[in-house]
């Protein structure tokens, strides 16, 4: 399980983003190592899943994280994410990105117009 955070850099998430990016590349290497076997390797990079984990998480200083939506109402429903992951397991697709249309637009901007992407990301924070 990786994260959408492994697809681009963000302030205050350098270590997390780097570890998720490394996990994706590691799994891609593993996929190539076992390509002649029946083993299938998949990576899932979800965006925010609609849980209350962010309201209970700690920051680097050990303090409760501040979340814009402590109710956990933003993000993808866990059942929707699970359904997509289940379909992935029955496919030959390697990387599944679970994201809302707005987050997919953000990934598109990051790839094709990174200056605009980071300008918008900085304004959001």
C-alpha atoms as a PDB file:
ATOM      1  CA  UNK A   1       0.000   0.000   0.000  1.00  0.00           C
ATOM      2  CA  UNK A   2       1.600   3.202  -1.162  1.00  0.00           C
ATOM      3  CA  UNK A   3       0.014   6.645  -1.264  1.00  0.00           C
ATOM      4  CA  UNK A   4      -0.786   9.414  -3.677  1.00  0.00           C
ATOM      5  CA  UNK A   5       1.741  11.385  -1.580  1.00  0.00           C
ATOM      6  CA  UNK A   6       4.477   9.261  -3.172  1.00  0.00           C
ATOM      7  CA  UNK A   7       3.707  10.790  -6.567  1.00  0.00           C
ATOM      8  CA  UNK A   8       4.727  14.377  -5.716  1.00  0.00           C
ATOM      9  CA  UNK A   9       6.559  16.312  -3.027  1.00  0.00           C
ATOM     10  CA  UNK A  10       4.780  18.312  -0.336  1.00  0.00           C
ATOM     11  CA  UNK A  11       6.008  20.449   2.518  1.00  0.00           C
ATOM     12  CA  UNK A  12       6.084  18.675   5.896  1.00  0.00           C
ATOM     13  CA  UNK A  13       5.692  15.274   4.192  1.00  0.00           C
ATOM     14  CA  UNK A  14       9.175  14.745   2.724  1.00  0.00           C
ATOM     15  CA  UNK A  15       9.972  11.520   4.580  1.00  0.00           C
ATOM     16  CA  UNK A  16       6.481  10.086   4.073  1.00  0.00           C
ATOM     17  CA  UNK A  17       6.406  10.967   0.363  1.00  0.00           C
ATOM     18  CA  UNK A  18       9.920   9.598  -0.169  1.00  0.00           C
ATOM     19  CA  UNK A  19       9.103   6.319   1.573  1.00  0.00           C
ATOM     20  CA  UNK A  20       5.947   5.852  -0.517  1.00  0.00           C
ATOM     21  CA  UNK A  21       7.800   6.674  -3.750  1.00  0.00           C
ATOM     22  CA  UNK A  22      10.525   4.194  -2.783  1.00  0.00           C
ATOM     23  CA  UNK A  23       7.917   1.537  -2.063  1.00  0.00           C
ATOM     24  CA  UNK A  24       6.412   1.988  -5.528  1.00  0.00           C
ATOM     25  CA  UNK A  25       9.792   1.634  -7.257  1.00  0.00           C
ATOM     26  CA  UNK A  26      10.683  -1.360  -5.060  1.00  0.00           C
ATOM     27  CA  UNK A  27       7.430  -3.088  -6.003  1.00  0.00           C
ATOM     28  CA  UNK A  28       8.022  -2.311  -9.675  1.00  0.00           C
ATOM     29  CA  UNK A  29      11.442  -3.983  -9.401  1.00  0.00           C
ATOM     30  CA  UNK A  30       9.874  -6.959  -7.634  1.00  0.00           C
ATOM     31  CA  UNK A  31       7.251  -7.209 -10.376  1.00  0.00           C
ATOM     32  CA  UNK A  32      10.031  -7.473 -12.943  1.00  0.00           C
ATOM     33  CA  UNK A  33      11.872 -10.104 -10.917  1.00  0.00           C
ATOM     34  CA  UNK A  34       8.832 -12.409 -10.785  1.00  0.00           C
ATOM     35  CA  UNK A  35       7.430 -11.667 -14.246  1.00  0.00           C
ATOM     36  CA  UNK A  36       7.971 -15.270 -15.425  1.00  0.00           C
ATOM     37  CA  UNK A  37       6.062 -16.713 -12.464  1.00  0.00           C
ATOM     38  CA  UNK A  38       2.324 -16.709 -11.732  1.00  0.00           C
ATOM     39  CA  UNK A  39       2.895 -14.137  -8.967  1.00  0.00           C
ATOM     40  CA  UNK A  40       1.313 -10.745  -9.599  1.00  0.00           C
ATOM     41  CA  UNK A  41       2.549  -7.615  -7.889  1.00  0.00           C
ATOM     42  CA  UNK A  42       0.344  -4.559  -7.438  1.00  0.00           C
ATOM     43  CA  UNK A  43       0.752  -1.121  -5.891  1.00  0.00           C
ATOM     44  CA  UNK A  44      -2.170   0.902  -4.589  1.00  0.00           C
ATOM     45  CA  UNK A  45      -1.757   4.666  -4.167  1.00  0.00           C
ATOM     46  CA  UNK A  46      -4.886   6.031  -2.519  1.00  0.00           C
ATOM     47  CA  UNK A  47      -5.691   9.629  -1.829  1.00  0.00           C
ATOM     48  CA  UNK A  48      -7.492  10.471   1.383  1.00  0.00           C
ATOM     49  CA  UNK A  49      -9.782   7.643   2.478  1.00  0.00           C
ATOM     50  CA  UNK A  50     -12.817   8.786   4.455  1.00  0.00           C
ATOM     51  CA  UNK A  51     -11.750   7.840   7.968  1.00  0.00           C
ATOM     52  CA  UNK A  52     -10.933   9.801  11.096  1.00  0.00           C
ATOM     53  CA  UNK A  53      -7.277   8.765  11.129  1.00  0.00           C
ATOM     54  CA  UNK A  54      -6.056  12.307  10.444  1.00  0.00           C
ATOM     55  CA  UNK A  55      -7.852  13.651  13.507  1.00  0.00           C
ATOM     56  CA  UNK A  56      -6.037  11.081  15.656  1.00  0.00           C
ATOM     57  CA  UNK A  57      -2.608  11.251  14.000  1.00  0.00           C
ATOM     58  CA  UNK A  58       0.463  12.931  15.445  1.00  0.00           C
ATOM     59  CA  UNK A  59       2.801  15.343  13.717  1.00  0.00           C
ATOM     60  CA  UNK A  60       6.621  15.292  13.948  1.00  0.00           C
ATOM     61  CA  UNK A  61       6.480  17.071  17.316  1.00  0.00           C
ATOM     62  CA  UNK A  62       4.115  14.475  18.778  1.00  0.00           C
ATOM     63  CA  UNK A  63       1.133  16.837  18.783  1.00  0.00           C
ATOM     64  CA  UNK A  64      -2.275  16.010  17.353  1.00  0.00           C
ATOM     65  CA  UNK A  65      -2.401  16.815  13.664  1.00  0.00           C
ATOM     66  CA  UNK A  66      -4.644  19.621  12.572  1.00  0.00           C
ATOM     67  CA  UNK A  67      -7.129  18.470  10.011  1.00  0.00           C
ATOM     68  CA  UNK A  68      -9.437  20.621   7.936  1.00  0.00           C
ATOM     69  CA  UNK A  69     -12.148  17.999   8.273  1.00  0.00           C
ATOM     70  CA  UNK A  70     -11.892  16.263  11.664  1.00  0.00           C
ATOM     71  CA  UNK A  71     -15.200  14.513  11.025  1.00  0.00           C
ATOM     72  CA  UNK A  72     -13.521  12.410   8.346  1.00  0.00           C
ATOM     73  CA  UNK A  73     -16.201  13.304   5.773  1.00  0.00           C
ATOM     74  CA  UNK A  74     -13.757  14.176   3.000  1.00  0.00           C
ATOM     75  CA  UNK A  75     -12.109  11.573   0.814  1.00  0.00           C
ATOM     76  CA  UNK A  76     -13.072   8.325  -0.852  1.00  0.00           C
ATOM     77  CA  UNK A  77     -15.401   5.923   0.969  1.00  0.00           C
ATOM     78  CA  UNK A  78     -13.531   2.878   2.341  1.00  0.00           C
ATOM     79  CA  UNK A  79     -15.956   0.495   0.580  1.00  0.00           C
ATOM     80  CA  UNK A  80     -15.291   2.207  -2.762  1.00  0.00           C
ATOM     81  CA  UNK A  81     -11.538   1.924  -2.250  1.00  0.00           C
ATOM     82  CA  UNK A  82     -11.869  -1.745  -1.267  1.00  0.00           C
ATOM     83  CA  UNK A  83     -13.928  -2.466  -4.376  1.00  0.00           C
ATOM     84  CA  UNK A  84     -11.282  -0.898  -6.613  1.00  0.00           C
ATOM     85  CA  UNK A  85      -8.517  -2.837  -4.854  1.00  0.00           C
ATOM     86  CA  UNK A  86     -10.444  -6.092  -5.255  1.00  0.00           C
ATOM     87  CA  UNK A  87     -10.777  -5.469  -9.003  1.00  0.00           C
ATOM     88  CA  UNK A  88      -7.055  -4.716  -9.166  1.00  0.00           C
ATOM     89  CA  UNK A  89      -6.210  -8.086  -7.624  1.00  0.00           C
ATOM     90  CA  UNK A  90      -8.018  -9.825 -10.477  1.00  0.00           C
ATOM     91  CA  UNK A  91      -6.237  -7.834 -13.172  1.00  0.00           C
ATOM     92  CA  UNK A  92      -2.804  -7.480 -14.695  1.00  0.00           C
ATOM     93  CA  UNK A  93      -2.693  -3.764 -13.904  1.00  0.00           C
ATOM     94  CA  UNK A  94       0.330  -2.863 -11.785  1.00  0.00           C
ATOM     95  CA  UNK A  95      -0.453   0.527 -10.238  1.00  0.00           C
ATOM     96  CA  UNK A  96      -3.862   1.660  -9.021  1.00  0.00           C
ATOM     97  CA  UNK A  97      -4.354   5.293  -8.076  1.00  0.00           C
ATOM     98  CA  UNK A  98      -7.507   5.786  -6.020  1.00  0.00           C
ATOM     99  CA  UNK A  99      -8.375   9.457  -6.298  1.00  0.00           C
ATOM    100  CA  UNK A 100     -11.244  11.855  -6.740  1.00  0.00           C
ATOM    101  CA  UNK A 101     -11.605  13.735 -10.037  1.00  0.00           C
ATOM    102  CA  UNK A 102     -10.079  16.846  -8.411  1.00  0.00           C
ATOM    103  CA  UNK A 103      -7.081  14.864  -7.185  1.00  0.00           C
ATOM    104  CA  UNK A 104      -6.657  13.295 -10.634  1.00  0.00           C
ATOM    105  CA  UNK A 105      -6.648  16.798 -12.086  1.00  0.00           C
ATOM    106  CA  UNK A 106      -3.937  17.682  -9.581  1.00  0.00           C
ATOM    107  CA  UNK A 107      -1.823  14.726 -10.727  1.00  0.00           C
ATOM    108  CA  UNK A 108      -2.319  15.782 -14.344  1.00  0.00           C
ATOM    109  CA  UNK A 109      -1.210  19.324 -13.479  1.00  0.00           C
ATOM    110  CA  UNK A 110       1.797  17.996 -11.563  1.00  0.00           C
ATOM    111  CA  UNK A 111       2.914  16.039 -14.611  1.00  0.00           C
ATOM    112  CA  UNK A 112       2.156  18.611 -17.310  1.00  0.00           C
ATOM    113  CA  UNK A 113       2.229  21.980 -15.536  1.00  0.00           C
ATOM    114  CA  UNK A 114       4.171  21.602 -12.273  1.00  0.00           C
ATOM    115  CA  UNK A 115       4.532  25.324 -11.593  1.00  0.00           C
ATOM    116  CA  UNK A 116       0.755  25.751 -11.601  1.00  0.00           C
ATOM    117  CA  UNK A 117       0.341  22.585  -9.517  1.00  0.00           C
ATOM    118  CA  UNK A 118       2.664  23.830  -6.760  1.00  0.00           C
ATOM    119  CA  UNK A 119       1.191  27.329  -6.894  1.00  0.00           C
ATOM    120  CA  UNK A 120      -2.271  25.864  -6.247  1.00  0.00           C
ATOM    121  CA  UNK A 121      -0.964  23.430  -3.620  1.00  0.00           C
ATOM    122  CA  UNK A 122       0.680  26.267  -1.681  1.00  0.00           C
ATOM    123  CA  UNK A 123      -2.506  28.326  -1.790  1.00  0.00           C
ATOM    124  CA  UNK A 124      -4.504  25.386  -0.415  1.00  0.00           C
ATOM    125  CA  UNK A 125      -2.250  24.936   2.622  1.00  0.00           C
END
